Protein backbone atom coordinates (compact mmCIF):
# COMPACT_ATOMS: atom_id res chain seq x y z
CA MET A 1 -9.64 -0.45 2.80
CA THR A 2 -11.33 -1.77 -0.33
CA SER A 3 -15.04 -1.08 -0.43
CA THR A 4 -17.35 -4.08 -0.21
CA LEU A 5 -19.10 -2.60 -3.25
CA ASP A 6 -15.91 -2.89 -5.27
CA PRO A 7 -16.31 -5.69 -7.84
CA THR A 8 -12.69 -6.74 -7.27
CA ALA A 9 -12.70 -6.55 -3.46
CA TRP A 10 -11.90 -10.26 -3.43
CA LEU A 11 -8.62 -9.60 -5.23
CA THR A 12 -6.72 -8.15 -2.28
CA GLY A 13 -4.56 -9.36 0.60
CA TYR A 14 -2.50 -12.54 0.62
CA ILE A 15 -3.95 -15.04 -1.85
CA PRO A 16 -2.48 -18.56 -1.65
CA ASP A 17 -1.08 -20.17 -4.78
CA LEU A 18 -2.04 -23.72 -3.83
CA PRO A 19 0.29 -26.65 -4.49
CA THR A 20 -0.97 -29.86 -6.09
CA PRO A 21 -0.50 -32.86 -3.76
CA PHE A 22 0.57 -36.18 -5.29
CA ASP A 23 0.43 -39.60 -3.65
CA ASP A 24 3.32 -42.07 -3.63
CA THR A 25 2.39 -43.30 -7.11
CA GLY A 26 2.34 -39.80 -8.63
CA VAL A 27 -1.46 -39.53 -8.81
CA VAL A 28 -3.11 -36.27 -7.73
CA ASP A 29 -4.19 -36.60 -4.08
CA ILE A 30 -7.65 -35.05 -4.25
CA ASN A 31 -8.38 -35.53 -0.54
CA ALA A 32 -5.21 -33.70 0.48
CA PHE A 33 -5.99 -30.92 -1.99
CA ALA A 34 -9.49 -30.51 -0.55
CA ARG A 35 -7.96 -30.23 2.93
CA LEU A 36 -5.62 -27.48 1.74
CA CYS A 37 -8.55 -25.57 0.28
CA GLU A 38 -10.64 -25.91 3.44
CA ARG A 39 -7.75 -24.82 5.68
CA GLN A 40 -7.29 -21.63 3.70
CA ILE A 41 -11.00 -20.83 3.62
CA ALA A 42 -11.28 -21.46 7.36
CA ALA A 43 -8.47 -18.93 7.82
CA GLY A 44 -10.58 -16.34 6.02
CA VAL A 45 -8.77 -15.97 2.69
CA PRO A 46 -11.00 -14.33 0.06
CA THR A 47 -9.57 -16.21 -2.89
CA LEU A 48 -7.68 -19.37 -3.89
CA VAL A 49 -5.33 -19.79 -6.85
CA VAL A 50 -5.18 -23.32 -8.24
CA CYS A 51 -3.19 -24.92 -11.07
CA ASP A 52 -0.54 -22.27 -11.38
CA ILE A 53 3.17 -22.09 -10.46
CA ALA A 54 2.95 -23.72 -7.03
CA GLY A 55 0.44 -26.17 -8.46
CA GLU A 56 2.98 -27.49 -11.01
CA ALA A 57 0.48 -26.75 -13.76
CA SER A 58 3.04 -27.43 -16.48
CA THR A 59 3.07 -31.12 -15.49
CA LEU A 60 -0.69 -31.50 -15.09
CA SER A 61 -2.94 -32.76 -17.85
CA ALA A 62 -5.93 -30.64 -18.88
CA ASP A 63 -8.21 -33.24 -17.26
CA GLU A 64 -6.28 -33.07 -13.99
CA GLN A 65 -6.45 -29.29 -13.99
CA GLU A 66 -10.19 -29.31 -14.59
CA ARG A 67 -10.72 -31.81 -11.77
CA LEU A 68 -8.66 -29.73 -9.31
CA ILE A 69 -10.64 -26.60 -10.21
CA ARG A 70 -13.92 -28.45 -9.65
CA VAL A 71 -12.72 -29.69 -6.26
CA ALA A 72 -11.71 -26.17 -5.19
CA VAL A 73 -15.09 -24.80 -6.32
CA ASP A 74 -16.97 -27.58 -4.51
CA VAL A 75 -15.01 -27.03 -1.29
CA ALA A 76 -15.37 -23.25 -1.45
CA ARG A 77 -19.16 -23.34 -1.95
CA GLY A 78 -19.14 -19.59 -2.48
CA ARG A 79 -17.11 -18.86 0.67
CA ALA A 80 -14.08 -17.88 -1.42
CA ARG A 81 -13.38 -17.15 -5.07
CA VAL A 82 -11.39 -19.60 -7.17
CA ILE A 83 -8.82 -18.32 -9.67
CA ALA A 84 -7.65 -20.98 -12.11
CA GLY A 85 -4.26 -20.89 -13.76
CA ALA A 86 -4.97 -21.16 -17.48
CA GLY A 87 -1.84 -19.89 -19.16
CA SER A 88 0.10 -21.28 -22.09
CA ASN A 89 2.56 -20.13 -24.72
CA SER A 90 0.01 -21.36 -27.26
CA THR A 91 -2.98 -19.02 -27.59
CA ARG A 92 -5.15 -21.92 -28.73
CA GLN A 93 -4.21 -23.98 -25.69
CA ALA A 94 -4.67 -21.03 -23.33
CA ILE A 95 -8.18 -20.55 -24.71
CA GLU A 96 -8.97 -24.24 -24.21
CA LEU A 97 -7.71 -24.16 -20.60
CA THR A 98 -9.65 -20.97 -19.95
CA GLN A 99 -12.89 -22.42 -21.30
CA ARG A 100 -12.43 -25.61 -19.29
CA ALA A 101 -11.82 -23.53 -16.16
CA GLU A 102 -15.02 -21.61 -16.82
CA ALA A 103 -16.96 -24.86 -17.30
CA ALA A 104 -15.51 -26.17 -14.02
CA GLY A 105 -16.89 -23.19 -12.12
CA ALA A 106 -13.84 -20.95 -11.69
CA ASP A 107 -14.51 -17.31 -10.83
CA ALA A 108 -11.53 -15.95 -12.78
CA VAL A 109 -8.42 -17.11 -14.62
CA LEU A 110 -4.77 -16.24 -14.26
CA SER A 111 -3.09 -15.97 -17.66
CA VAL A 112 0.68 -15.67 -18.08
CA VAL A 113 2.66 -13.81 -20.73
CA PRO A 114 3.47 -16.42 -23.41
CA TYR A 115 6.82 -18.01 -22.62
CA TYR A 116 9.49 -19.47 -24.93
CA ASN A 117 7.99 -17.94 -28.11
CA LYS A 118 9.30 -14.44 -27.25
CA PRO A 119 6.37 -12.57 -28.84
CA MET A 120 6.39 -8.83 -29.56
CA GLN A 121 4.19 -6.58 -27.40
CA GLU A 122 1.60 -6.55 -30.20
CA GLY A 123 1.54 -10.35 -30.06
CA ILE A 124 1.19 -10.37 -26.27
CA SER A 125 -1.75 -7.96 -26.48
CA ALA A 126 -3.38 -9.99 -29.26
CA HIS A 127 -2.89 -13.20 -27.23
CA PHE A 128 -4.69 -11.82 -24.18
CA ASN A 129 -7.46 -10.20 -26.20
CA ALA A 130 -8.13 -13.51 -27.98
CA ILE A 131 -8.47 -15.19 -24.58
CA ALA A 132 -10.82 -12.44 -23.38
CA ARG A 133 -13.06 -12.96 -26.39
CA SER A 134 -13.30 -16.68 -25.61
CA THR A 135 -14.67 -16.44 -22.08
CA GLY A 136 -16.94 -14.51 -19.76
CA LEU A 137 -14.52 -14.80 -16.84
CA PRO A 138 -12.42 -11.95 -15.44
CA ILE A 139 -8.73 -12.30 -16.33
CA ILE A 140 -5.73 -11.61 -14.09
CA LEU A 141 -2.59 -11.03 -16.13
CA HIS A 142 0.68 -12.62 -15.03
CA ASP A 143 3.94 -10.85 -15.83
CA ILE A 144 7.00 -12.91 -14.85
CA PRO A 145 9.94 -12.14 -17.17
CA SER A 146 12.27 -14.58 -15.41
CA ARG A 147 10.12 -17.41 -16.80
CA SER A 148 8.58 -15.87 -19.94
CA VAL A 149 11.65 -13.90 -21.13
CA ARG A 150 9.37 -11.22 -22.58
CA GLU A 151 7.91 -8.65 -20.18
CA LEU A 152 4.44 -7.16 -20.20
CA THR A 153 5.30 -3.48 -20.60
CA ASN A 154 3.41 -0.84 -18.68
CA ASP A 155 1.98 0.61 -21.89
CA THR A 156 0.73 -2.80 -23.05
CA LEU A 157 -0.75 -3.46 -19.62
CA ALA A 158 -2.47 -0.08 -19.56
CA GLY A 159 -3.98 -0.76 -22.97
CA LEU A 160 -5.37 -4.10 -21.85
CA ALA A 161 -6.67 -2.64 -18.58
CA GLU A 162 -8.94 -0.32 -20.55
CA SER A 163 -11.17 -3.38 -20.94
CA LYS A 164 -13.09 -4.40 -17.83
CA ARG A 165 -12.33 -8.02 -18.74
CA PHE A 166 -8.82 -7.58 -17.31
CA VAL A 167 -9.10 -7.02 -13.57
CA GLY A 168 -5.62 -7.38 -12.14
CA LEU A 169 -1.92 -8.14 -12.47
CA ARG A 170 0.25 -10.74 -10.77
CA ASP A 171 3.53 -8.86 -10.89
CA GLY A 172 6.58 -11.12 -10.91
CA THR A 173 9.07 -8.45 -11.98
CA GLY A 174 10.31 -7.66 -8.46
CA ASP A 175 10.05 -3.95 -9.27
CA LEU A 176 8.98 -2.19 -6.08
CA ALA A 177 8.37 1.12 -7.83
CA ARG A 178 6.05 -0.38 -10.42
CA PRO A 179 2.79 0.13 -8.45
CA LEU A 180 3.61 3.84 -8.18
CA ARG A 181 4.01 4.06 -11.95
CA LEU A 182 1.04 1.89 -12.81
CA ARG A 183 -1.55 3.33 -10.44
CA SER A 184 -2.16 6.38 -12.61
CA MET A 185 -2.15 4.26 -15.79
CA VAL A 186 -4.88 1.73 -14.91
CA PRO A 187 -8.47 2.12 -13.66
CA SER A 188 -8.89 2.27 -9.88
CA PRO A 189 -10.60 -1.17 -9.60
CA PHE A 190 -7.63 -2.84 -11.37
CA ARG A 191 -5.65 -4.81 -8.76
CA LEU A 192 -1.86 -4.90 -8.51
CA LEU A 193 -0.58 -8.01 -6.75
CA SER A 194 3.01 -8.93 -5.99
CA GLY A 195 4.08 -12.36 -7.16
CA ASP A 196 6.97 -12.41 -4.69
CA ASP A 197 6.49 -12.96 -0.95
CA ALA A 198 9.83 -11.38 -0.07
CA ILE A 199 8.74 -7.95 -1.34
CA ALA A 200 4.99 -8.23 -0.70
CA LEU A 201 4.90 -5.82 2.23
CA ALA A 202 6.98 -3.19 0.42
CA TYR A 203 4.87 -3.68 -2.71
CA VAL A 204 1.67 -2.98 -0.78
CA THR A 205 3.11 0.12 0.85
CA SER A 206 4.06 1.34 -2.65
CA GLY A 207 0.45 1.16 -3.80
CA GLY A 208 -0.10 -2.55 -4.41
CA ASP A 209 -3.19 -4.43 -3.29
CA GLY A 210 -1.70 -7.69 -2.03
CA CYS A 211 0.25 -10.77 -3.03
CA ILE A 212 -0.38 -14.08 -4.75
CA SER A 213 1.67 -16.00 -2.27
CA ALA A 214 3.45 -19.27 -1.62
CA VAL A 215 4.19 -18.70 2.07
CA SER A 216 0.54 -18.04 2.92
CA ASN A 217 -0.08 -21.73 2.23
CA VAL A 218 1.91 -22.41 5.39
CA THR A 219 0.87 -19.44 7.54
CA PRO A 220 -2.46 -18.02 6.32
CA ASP A 221 -3.32 -16.44 9.67
CA LEU A 222 0.06 -14.74 9.99
CA CYS A 223 -0.17 -13.38 6.45
CA ARG A 224 -3.61 -11.97 7.17
CA MET A 225 -2.18 -10.25 10.25
CA ILE A 226 0.65 -8.73 8.22
CA PHE A 227 -1.69 -7.38 5.55
CA SER A 228 -4.20 -6.08 8.10
CA SER A 229 -1.45 -4.32 10.09
CA CYS A 230 -0.06 -2.75 6.93
CA TRP A 231 -3.48 -1.61 5.68
CA GLN A 232 -4.26 -0.06 9.08
CA GLY A 233 -0.98 1.86 9.12
CA ARG A 234 0.65 -0.26 11.84
CA LEU A 235 3.86 -0.73 9.88
CA ARG A 236 6.06 -1.60 12.87
CA SER A 237 3.77 -4.52 13.70
CA ALA A 238 3.67 -5.59 10.06
CA LEU A 239 7.46 -5.44 9.81
CA TYR A 240 7.90 -7.45 13.00
CA LEU A 241 5.59 -10.17 11.74
CA GLN A 242 7.18 -10.11 8.30
CA LYS A 243 10.59 -10.66 9.88
CA GLN A 244 9.38 -13.94 11.35
CA LEU A 245 8.62 -15.20 7.84
CA LEU A 246 11.96 -14.30 6.24
CA PRO A 247 13.76 -17.65 6.81
CA LEU A 248 10.82 -19.60 5.37
CA GLU A 249 10.41 -17.18 2.47
CA THR A 250 14.09 -17.64 1.65
CA CYS A 251 13.64 -21.40 1.56
CA LEU A 252 10.53 -21.19 -0.62
CA ALA A 253 12.11 -18.72 -3.03
CA GLY A 254 15.05 -21.05 -3.60
CA GLU A 255 13.31 -24.36 -4.29
CA SER A 256 9.58 -23.94 -4.56
CA PRO A 257 7.23 -25.75 -4.84
CA ALA A 258 9.38 -28.60 -3.44
CA ALA A 259 10.19 -26.54 -0.34
CA LEU A 260 6.55 -25.49 0.04
CA LYS A 261 5.39 -29.07 -0.19
CA TYR A 262 7.93 -30.20 2.39
CA ALA A 263 6.86 -27.43 4.78
CA LEU A 264 3.23 -28.48 4.43
CA SER A 265 4.21 -32.12 4.96
CA LEU A 266 5.73 -31.10 8.32
CA LEU A 267 2.29 -29.76 9.24
CA GLY A 268 0.70 -33.09 8.29
CA LEU A 269 -1.29 -31.53 5.44
CA MET A 270 0.11 -33.35 2.40
CA GLY A 271 3.01 -35.43 1.16
CA PRO A 272 6.18 -33.83 -0.24
CA ALA A 273 6.12 -35.56 -3.65
CA THR A 274 6.71 -33.53 -6.82
CA ARG A 275 6.58 -34.42 -10.51
CA LEU A 276 9.62 -34.60 -12.74
CA PRO A 277 11.52 -32.59 -13.70
CA LEU A 278 11.05 -31.31 -10.14
CA VAL A 279 12.39 -33.53 -7.36
CA GLU A 280 12.09 -33.49 -3.59
CA LEU A 281 14.49 -31.47 -1.45
CA ASN A 282 17.85 -32.83 -0.38
CA GLU A 283 18.50 -33.36 3.34
CA SER A 284 20.24 -30.03 3.84
CA ALA A 285 17.37 -28.10 2.29
CA LYS A 286 14.84 -30.10 4.32
CA ALA A 287 16.68 -29.17 7.51
CA ALA A 288 16.57 -25.48 6.58
CA VAL A 289 12.81 -25.62 5.94
CA ALA A 290 12.27 -27.46 9.22
CA ARG A 291 14.24 -24.83 11.15
CA ALA A 292 12.21 -22.07 9.53
CA VAL A 293 8.89 -23.75 10.36
CA VAL A 294 9.94 -24.44 13.94
CA GLY A 295 11.10 -20.83 14.31
CA ILE A 296 7.65 -19.54 13.38
CA ALA A 297 6.04 -22.07 15.71
CA ASP A 298 8.32 -20.96 18.55
CA GLU A 299 6.85 -17.47 18.17
CA ASN A 300 3.40 -19.05 18.68
CA LEU A 301 2.46 -18.00 15.15
CA LEU A 302 2.01 -21.51 13.76
CA GLU A 303 0.82 -24.84 15.09
CA VAL A 304 3.05 -27.76 14.08
CA ALA A 305 1.47 -31.21 13.92
CA GLU A 306 2.90 -33.74 16.35
CA ALA A 307 4.91 -36.55 14.80
């Protein structure tokens, strides 16, 4: 297990990628967001991710993002670290978001490979180094080729990881063998985190350190049990628990964050509203999420709020 003296010990396990609640008028529901933060911290998570994929960051204004970061920091009060999504396909905008996250009290930022522009690897490296020069915060890199088109190659990643400013990777490639290849290429404190719940357990057993997760928003205690079982070598227990999550993970992978928000609404934690161009789930998809949530509850692994 990671040493408590390790400066990145907080960057392990299942880390929730928090959604952004909206009220019926489309305004950010700060009270609901604070409840989500407190629930995760009470469950013992070491770190929260705010204003990233599940948080619909692409539809949030810079002011809204800064306010959400401040709320998470205020709720955490040092009990958990706060990672702020601060990515953009514009280096200038990514720097601005990063600096605002630092001013709001974030402990680190999550910065994605520039999307849409299709930069060369030299441009990707220059982008991240420019961000690093603009802030004192640790930076977690986010490689998700399905959204950015361009990948962050292993060689580019290894070059960036030579700087202590870059402390980890959110790996959205789905490549289970990647931790095995990367482990010898990056310093030992550098953290490798799956960005995909469905392969998180396999990713950890291949040398990864955890997962930045959507499903842990719904079942933080269960996800902690899975990671603990895996880390202690109790793989049969981890696999059994992971199996209970598969129906919900399938729902979330298909239509998240709408499916995630609906699942949390069933628990009475927030409303299901999204921002355009995202819309709420149709009735068939809602029924599938409800069945998945009830299935986990039937195993006594989740408490469902009474209607």
